[in-house]
Amino acid sequence: MEPIEPWELLSIMLAIGLMFGANRLPQTAGSLGEGIREVRSTLHETSQPDDPQATHEHSTGRPPGR
């Protein structure tokens, strides 16, 4: 598979611009960016434990309260 050449990229951008129009392009890009941020924050929240004390207790190796 060959890489995309600059003139191909330019024609793709032109086609997208014609499809969405100059007014809707910023709105579409903003919506896409917001969706990406939402997915990243959700992934970040699921990778973090809900209880910060649980992480500390597991890392010390001591039972809670001692």
N, C-alpha and C. Protein backbone atom coordinates (compact mmCIF):
# COMPACT_ATOMS: atom_id res chain seq x y z
N MET A 1 0.85 -1.17 0.00
CA MET A 1 0.00 0.00 0.00
C MET A 1 0.90 1.24 0.00
N GLU A 2 0.64 2.11 -0.92
CA GLU A 2 1.45 3.31 -1.07
C GLU A 2 0.92 4.42 -0.15
N PRO A 3 1.80 5.31 0.30
CA PRO A 3 1.34 6.42 1.15
C PRO A 3 0.48 7.41 0.35
N ILE A 4 -0.33 8.17 1.07
CA ILE A 4 -1.19 9.17 0.43
C ILE A 4 -0.33 10.34 -0.01
N GLU A 5 -0.47 10.72 -1.24
CA GLU A 5 0.29 11.84 -1.79
C GLU A 5 -0.39 13.16 -1.41
N PRO A 6 0.36 14.27 -1.42
CA PRO A 6 -0.24 15.56 -1.03
C PRO A 6 -1.44 15.97 -1.89
N TRP A 7 -1.40 15.73 -3.18
CA TRP A 7 -2.52 16.13 -4.03
C TRP A 7 -3.76 15.29 -3.73
N GLU A 8 -3.57 14.02 -3.32
CA GLU A 8 -4.71 13.17 -2.95
C GLU A 8 -5.35 13.69 -1.66
N LEU A 9 -4.50 14.06 -0.70
CA LEU A 9 -4.99 14.60 0.56
C LEU A 9 -5.75 15.91 0.33
N LEU A 10 -5.23 16.73 -0.54
CA LEU A 10 -5.88 18.00 -0.87
C LEU A 10 -7.26 17.76 -1.50
N SER A 11 -7.34 16.80 -2.41
CA SER A 11 -8.64 16.52 -3.05
C SER A 11 -9.63 15.91 -2.05
N ILE A 12 -9.16 15.13 -1.10
CA ILE A 12 -10.05 14.58 -0.06
C ILE A 12 -10.58 15.72 0.81
N MET A 13 -9.68 16.65 1.19
CA MET A 13 -10.10 17.79 2.01
C MET A 13 -11.10 18.66 1.26
N LEU A 14 -10.89 18.85 -0.02
CA LEU A 14 -11.80 19.64 -0.84
C LEU A 14 -13.17 18.97 -0.92
N ALA A 15 -13.19 17.67 -1.10
CA ALA A 15 -14.45 16.93 -1.17
C ALA A 15 -15.21 17.04 0.15
N ILE A 16 -14.51 16.93 1.26
CA ILE A 16 -15.15 17.05 2.58
C ILE A 16 -15.70 18.46 2.76
N GLY A 17 -14.92 19.45 2.34
CA GLY A 17 -15.38 20.83 2.43
C GLY A 17 -16.63 21.09 1.61
N LEU A 18 -16.70 20.49 0.44
CA LEU A 18 -17.89 20.66 -0.41
C LEU A 18 -19.10 19.93 0.16
N MET A 19 -18.87 18.78 0.78
CA MET A 19 -20.00 18.02 1.35
C MET A 19 -20.61 18.72 2.55
N PHE A 20 -19.77 19.19 3.46
CA PHE A 20 -20.28 19.77 4.70
C PHE A 20 -20.50 21.27 4.62
N GLY A 21 -19.80 21.95 3.75
CA GLY A 21 -19.93 23.39 3.65
C GLY A 21 -19.04 24.09 4.67
N ALA A 22 -18.74 25.36 4.39
CA ALA A 22 -17.82 26.12 5.24
C ALA A 22 -18.40 26.39 6.63
N ASN A 23 -19.70 26.51 6.74
CA ASN A 23 -20.32 26.82 8.02
C ASN A 23 -20.39 25.60 8.95
N ARG A 24 -20.62 24.44 8.39
CA ARG A 24 -20.79 23.26 9.23
C ARG A 24 -19.48 22.59 9.60
N LEU A 25 -18.39 22.86 8.89
CA LEU A 25 -17.12 22.21 9.17
C LEU A 25 -16.61 22.47 10.58
N PRO A 26 -16.59 23.72 11.09
CA PRO A 26 -16.14 23.93 12.47
C PRO A 26 -17.03 23.24 13.50
N GLN A 27 -18.34 23.22 13.25
CA GLN A 27 -19.26 22.54 14.16
C GLN A 27 -19.00 21.04 14.19
N THR A 28 -18.77 20.47 13.02
CA THR A 28 -18.50 19.04 12.92
C THR A 28 -17.19 18.68 13.61
N ALA A 29 -16.17 19.49 13.39
CA ALA A 29 -14.87 19.24 14.03
C ALA A 29 -14.98 19.39 15.54
N GLY A 30 -15.74 20.37 16.00
CA GLY A 30 -15.94 20.55 17.44
C GLY A 30 -16.66 19.38 18.07
N SER A 31 -17.68 18.88 17.39
CA SER A 31 -18.41 17.72 17.90
C SER A 31 -17.53 16.48 17.95
N LEU A 32 -16.71 16.31 16.94
CA LEU A 32 -15.79 15.19 16.91
C LEU A 32 -14.78 15.28 18.05
N GLY A 33 -14.23 16.46 18.27
CA GLY A 33 -13.28 16.66 19.36
C GLY A 33 -13.91 16.42 20.72
N GLU A 34 -15.14 16.87 20.89
CA GLU A 34 -15.84 16.66 22.16
C GLU A 34 -16.09 15.17 22.40
N GLY A 35 -16.44 14.46 21.36
CA GLY A 35 -16.66 13.02 21.49
C GLY A 35 -15.39 12.29 21.87
N ILE A 36 -14.28 12.69 21.26
CA ILE A 36 -13.00 12.06 21.57
C ILE A 36 -12.61 12.33 23.03
N ARG A 37 -12.80 13.58 23.48
CA ARG A 37 -12.48 13.92 24.88
C ARG A 37 -13.34 13.12 25.84
N GLU A 38 -14.61 12.93 25.50
CA GLU A 38 -15.52 12.17 26.35
C GLU A 38 -15.09 10.71 26.46
N VAL A 39 -14.70 10.13 25.35
CA VAL A 39 -14.24 8.74 25.36
C VAL A 39 -12.96 8.62 26.18
N ARG A 40 -12.03 9.54 26.01
CA ARG A 40 -10.78 9.50 26.78
C ARG A 40 -11.04 9.64 28.27
N SER A 41 -11.93 10.55 28.66
CA SER A 41 -12.20 10.73 30.08
C SER A 41 -12.87 9.49 30.66
N THR A 42 -13.74 8.86 29.89
CA THR A 42 -14.39 7.64 30.35
C THR A 42 -13.36 6.52 30.51
N LEU A 43 -12.46 6.39 29.56
CA LEU A 43 -11.41 5.37 29.67
C LEU A 43 -10.50 5.66 30.85
N HIS A 44 -10.19 6.92 31.10
CA HIS A 44 -9.34 7.29 32.22
C HIS A 44 -10.03 6.98 33.55
N GLU A 45 -11.34 7.25 33.63
CA GLU A 45 -12.09 6.98 34.86
C GLU A 45 -12.17 5.48 35.15
N THR A 46 -12.31 4.67 34.12
CA THR A 46 -12.42 3.23 34.35
C THR A 46 -11.08 2.61 34.71
N SER A 47 -9.97 3.27 34.35
CA SER A 47 -8.67 2.72 34.69
C SER A 47 -8.25 3.11 36.10
N GLN A 48 -8.90 4.13 36.69
CA GLN A 48 -8.59 4.58 38.05
C GLN A 48 -9.51 3.89 39.04
N PRO A 49 -8.99 3.49 40.21
CA PRO A 49 -9.88 2.89 41.21
C PRO A 49 -10.81 3.95 41.80
N ASP A 50 -12.00 3.51 42.23
CA ASP A 50 -12.98 4.44 42.80
C ASP A 50 -12.55 4.94 44.18
N ASP A 51 -11.84 4.10 44.93
CA ASP A 51 -11.45 4.44 46.30
C ASP A 51 -9.94 4.66 46.36
N PRO A 52 -9.48 5.90 46.53
CA PRO A 52 -8.03 6.15 46.58
C PRO A 52 -7.36 5.45 47.76
N GLN A 53 -8.10 5.22 48.85
CA GLN A 53 -7.53 4.53 50.01
C GLN A 53 -7.22 3.08 49.68
N ALA A 54 -8.01 2.46 48.80
CA ALA A 54 -7.78 1.06 48.44
C ALA A 54 -6.43 0.90 47.78
N THR A 55 -6.05 1.84 46.93
CA THR A 55 -4.75 1.78 46.28
C THR A 55 -3.64 1.93 47.30
N HIS A 56 -3.81 2.84 48.26
CA HIS A 56 -2.79 3.07 49.29
C HIS A 56 -2.65 1.84 50.18
N GLU A 57 -3.77 1.23 50.56
CA GLU A 57 -3.72 0.06 51.44
C GLU A 57 -3.04 -1.11 50.75
N HIS A 58 -3.32 -1.31 49.49
CA HIS A 58 -2.71 -2.41 48.77
C HIS A 58 -1.22 -2.19 48.57
N SER A 59 -0.83 -0.95 48.43
CA SER A 59 0.58 -0.67 48.17
C SER A 59 1.42 -0.81 49.43
N THR A 60 0.85 -0.62 50.63
CA THR A 60 1.63 -0.74 51.86
C THR A 60 1.73 -2.18 52.32
N GLY A 61 0.77 -3.00 51.95
CA GLY A 61 0.79 -4.39 52.37
C GLY A 61 0.27 -4.59 53.77
N ARG A 62 -0.19 -3.53 54.43
CA ARG A 62 -0.73 -3.63 55.77
C ARG A 62 -2.25 -3.63 55.71
N PRO A 63 -2.89 -4.31 56.65
CA PRO A 63 -4.36 -4.26 56.69
C PRO A 63 -4.84 -2.87 57.07
N PRO A 64 -6.05 -2.51 56.69
CA PRO A 64 -6.58 -1.19 57.01
C PRO A 64 -6.69 -0.99 58.52
N GLY A 65 -6.42 0.24 58.97
CA GLY A 65 -6.56 0.57 60.37
C GLY A 65 -5.30 0.33 61.18
N ARG A 66 -4.22 -0.09 60.60
CA ARG A 66 -3.00 -0.31 61.37
C ARG A 66 -1.91 0.58 60.89
